[in-house]
């Protein structure tokens, strides 16, 4: 009989994480109730605007006197490796 088999592994390309970030407006000290706007520019290594997402957090550092905050962020880039498996079998009654 005949038997054909083929297996293909596809690898997801890892994103280029070499981005540059620049605060266009930033104040490190604010007064209570004071309004402020911050603007962060994220660019690729080539200097073009990056197609990116950002997660930001703010907290009042004076609260650390009461209870210190410890923020741990772990950004994981999972790689899903799809696999394609194809087979064909024909025994022709020989088995």
C-alpha atoms as a PDB file:
ATOM      1  CA  UNK A   1       0.000   0.000   0.000  1.00  0.00           C
ATOM      2  CA  UNK A   2       0.820   3.686  -0.008  1.00  0.00           C
ATOM      3  CA  UNK A   3       1.219   6.055   2.870  1.00  0.00           C
ATOM      4  CA  UNK A   4       2.012   9.773   2.749  1.00  0.00           C
ATOM      5  CA  UNK A   5       2.816  11.905   5.748  1.00  0.00           C
ATOM      6  CA  UNK A   6       3.861  15.529   6.175  1.00  0.00           C
ATOM      7  CA  UNK A   7       4.277  17.699   9.240  1.00  0.00           C
ATOM      8  CA  UNK A   8       4.735  21.483   9.145  1.00  0.00           C
ATOM      9  CA  UNK A   9       5.649  23.651  12.144  1.00  0.00           C
ATOM     10  CA  UNK A  10       4.887  27.364  11.958  1.00  0.00           C
ATOM     11  CA  UNK A  11       6.767  29.761  14.231  1.00  0.00           C
ATOM     12  CA  UNK A  12       5.295  33.069  15.307  1.00  0.00           C
ATOM     13  CA  UNK A  13       7.838  35.836  14.920  1.00  0.00           C
ATOM     14  CA  UNK A  14       8.692  37.569  18.181  1.00  0.00           C
ATOM     15  CA  UNK A  15       7.873  41.273  18.191  1.00  0.00           C
ATOM     16  CA  UNK A  16      10.722  43.762  18.083  1.00  0.00           C
ATOM     17  CA  UNK A  17      10.626  45.161  21.598  1.00  0.00           C
ATOM     18  CA  UNK A  18      13.325  47.794  21.015  1.00  0.00           C
ATOM     19  CA  UNK A  19      11.022  50.809  21.250  1.00  0.00           C
ATOM     20  CA  UNK A  20      12.010  54.265  22.448  1.00  0.00           C
ATOM     21  CA  UNK A  21       9.763  56.224  24.787  1.00  0.00           C
ATOM     22  CA  UNK A  22       9.927  59.946  25.416  1.00  0.00           C
ATOM     23  CA  UNK A  23       7.826  62.053  27.762  1.00  0.00           C
ATOM     24  CA  UNK A  24       6.813  65.213  25.911  1.00  0.00           C
ATOM     25  CA  UNK A  25       5.191  66.652  29.058  1.00  0.00           C
ATOM     26  CA  UNK A  26       5.858  65.346  32.545  1.00  0.00           C
ATOM     27  CA  UNK A  27       5.924  66.850  36.034  1.00  0.00           C
ATOM     28  CA  UNK A  28       7.351  64.755  38.843  1.00  0.00           C
ATOM     29  CA  UNK A  29       5.719  66.832  41.603  1.00  0.00           C
ATOM     30  CA  UNK A  30       2.061  67.853  41.660  1.00  0.00           C
ATOM     31  CA  UNK A  31      -0.047  69.578  44.277  1.00  0.00           C
ATOM     32  CA  UNK A  32      -3.338  68.057  45.488  1.00  0.00           C
ATOM     33  CA  UNK A  33      -6.114  68.849  43.035  1.00  0.00           C
ATOM     34  CA  UNK A  34      -3.700  70.129  40.404  1.00  0.00           C
ATOM     35  CA  UNK A  35      -4.555  69.009  36.884  1.00  0.00           C
ATOM     36  CA  UNK A  36      -1.817  67.833  34.600  1.00  0.00           C
ATOM     37  CA  UNK A  37      -1.611  66.210  31.208  1.00  0.00           C
ATOM     38  CA  UNK A  38       1.167  63.853  30.267  1.00  0.00           C
ATOM     39  CA  UNK A  39       2.084  62.813  26.762  1.00  0.00           C
ATOM     40  CA  UNK A  40       4.346  59.913  25.951  1.00  0.00           C
ATOM     41  CA  UNK A  41       5.653  59.277  22.446  1.00  0.00           C
ATOM     42  CA  UNK A  42       6.594  55.708  21.525  1.00  0.00           C
ATOM     43  CA  UNK A  43       8.724  55.176  18.423  1.00  0.00           C
ATOM     44  CA  UNK A  44      10.319  52.302  16.542  1.00  0.00           C
ATOM     45  CA  UNK A  45      14.112  52.056  16.175  1.00  0.00           C
ATOM     46  CA  UNK A  46      13.639  53.710  12.759  1.00  0.00           C
ATOM     47  CA  UNK A  47      12.057  56.769  14.432  1.00  0.00           C
ATOM     48  CA  UNK A  48       8.526  56.223  13.145  1.00  0.00           C
ATOM     49  CA  UNK A  49       5.502  56.134  15.472  1.00  0.00           C
ATOM     50  CA  UNK A  50       5.140  52.626  16.880  1.00  0.00           C
ATOM     51  CA  UNK A  51       2.011  50.535  16.551  1.00  0.00           C
ATOM     52  CA  UNK A  52       1.974  49.821  20.278  1.00  0.00           C
ATOM     53  CA  UNK A  53      -0.162  49.685  23.376  1.00  0.00           C
ATOM     54  CA  UNK A  54       0.809  50.936  26.793  1.00  0.00           C
ATOM     55  CA  UNK A  55      -0.382  50.255  30.308  1.00  0.00           C
ATOM     56  CA  UNK A  56       0.293  53.031  32.809  1.00  0.00           C
ATOM     57  CA  UNK A  57      -0.338  53.385  36.503  1.00  0.00           C
ATOM     58  CA  UNK A  58      -0.027  56.245  38.956  1.00  0.00           C
ATOM     59  CA  UNK A  59      -0.018  56.345  42.717  1.00  0.00           C
ATOM     60  CA  UNK A  60       0.552  58.832  45.488  1.00  0.00           C
ATOM     61  CA  UNK A  61       4.089  58.207  46.753  1.00  0.00           C
ATOM     62  CA  UNK A  62       3.263  59.858  50.078  1.00  0.00           C
ATOM     63  CA  UNK A  63       1.151  56.790  50.877  1.00  0.00           C
ATOM     64  CA  UNK A  64       4.400  54.802  51.034  1.00  0.00           C
ATOM     65  CA  UNK A  65       4.890  56.314  54.503  1.00  0.00           C
ATOM     66  CA  UNK A  66       1.844  54.307  55.640  1.00  0.00           C
ATOM     67  CA  UNK A  67       2.389  51.169  53.612  1.00  0.00           C
ATOM     68  CA  UNK A  68       5.095  50.734  50.948  1.00  0.00           C
ATOM     69  CA  UNK A  69       3.774  49.606  47.582  1.00  0.00           C
ATOM     70  CA  UNK A  70       5.552  46.955  45.563  1.00  0.00           C
ATOM     71  CA  UNK A  71       4.398  46.674  42.000  1.00  0.00           C
ATOM     72  CA  UNK A  72       5.683  43.780  39.958  1.00  0.00           C
ATOM     73  CA  UNK A  73       4.835  43.661  36.288  1.00  0.00           C
ATOM     74  CA  UNK A  74       5.755  40.708  34.124  1.00  0.00           C
ATOM     75  CA  UNK A  75       5.018  41.193  30.455  1.00  0.00           C
ATOM     76  CA  UNK A  76       4.895  37.838  28.737  1.00  0.00           C
ATOM     77  CA  UNK A  77       4.946  37.397  24.980  1.00  0.00           C
ATOM     78  CA  UNK A  78       3.484  33.923  24.476  1.00  0.00           C
ATOM     79  CA  UNK A  79       4.355  32.130  21.296  1.00  0.00           C
ATOM     80  CA  UNK A  80       1.668  29.865  19.935  1.00  0.00           C
ATOM     81  CA  UNK A  81       3.093  27.313  17.559  1.00  0.00           C
ATOM     82  CA  UNK A  82       0.341  25.935  15.361  1.00  0.00           C
ATOM     83  CA  UNK A  83       1.102  22.602  13.783  1.00  0.00           C
ATOM     84  CA  UNK A  84      -0.313  21.151  10.631  1.00  0.00           C
ATOM     85  CA  UNK A  85      -0.258  17.396  10.290  1.00  0.00           C
ATOM     86  CA  UNK A  86      -1.422  15.665   7.169  1.00  0.00           C
ATOM     87  CA  UNK A  87      -1.394  11.989   6.393  1.00  0.00           C
ATOM     88  CA  UNK A  88      -2.825   9.590   3.904  1.00  0.00           C
ATOM     89  CA  UNK A  89      -3.022   5.890   4.122  1.00  0.00           C
ATOM     90  CA  UNK A  90      -3.918   3.188   1.650  1.00  0.00           C
ATOM     91  CA  UNK A  91      -3.261  -0.414   2.323  1.00  0.00           C
ATOM     92  CA  UNK A  92      -4.985  -1.970  -0.643  1.00  0.00           C
ATOM     93  CA  UNK A  93      -6.028  -4.844   1.581  1.00  0.00           C
ATOM     94  CA  UNK A  94      -2.407  -5.856   2.241  1.00  0.00           C
ATOM     95  CA  UNK A  95      -2.694  -5.450   6.038  1.00  0.00           C
END
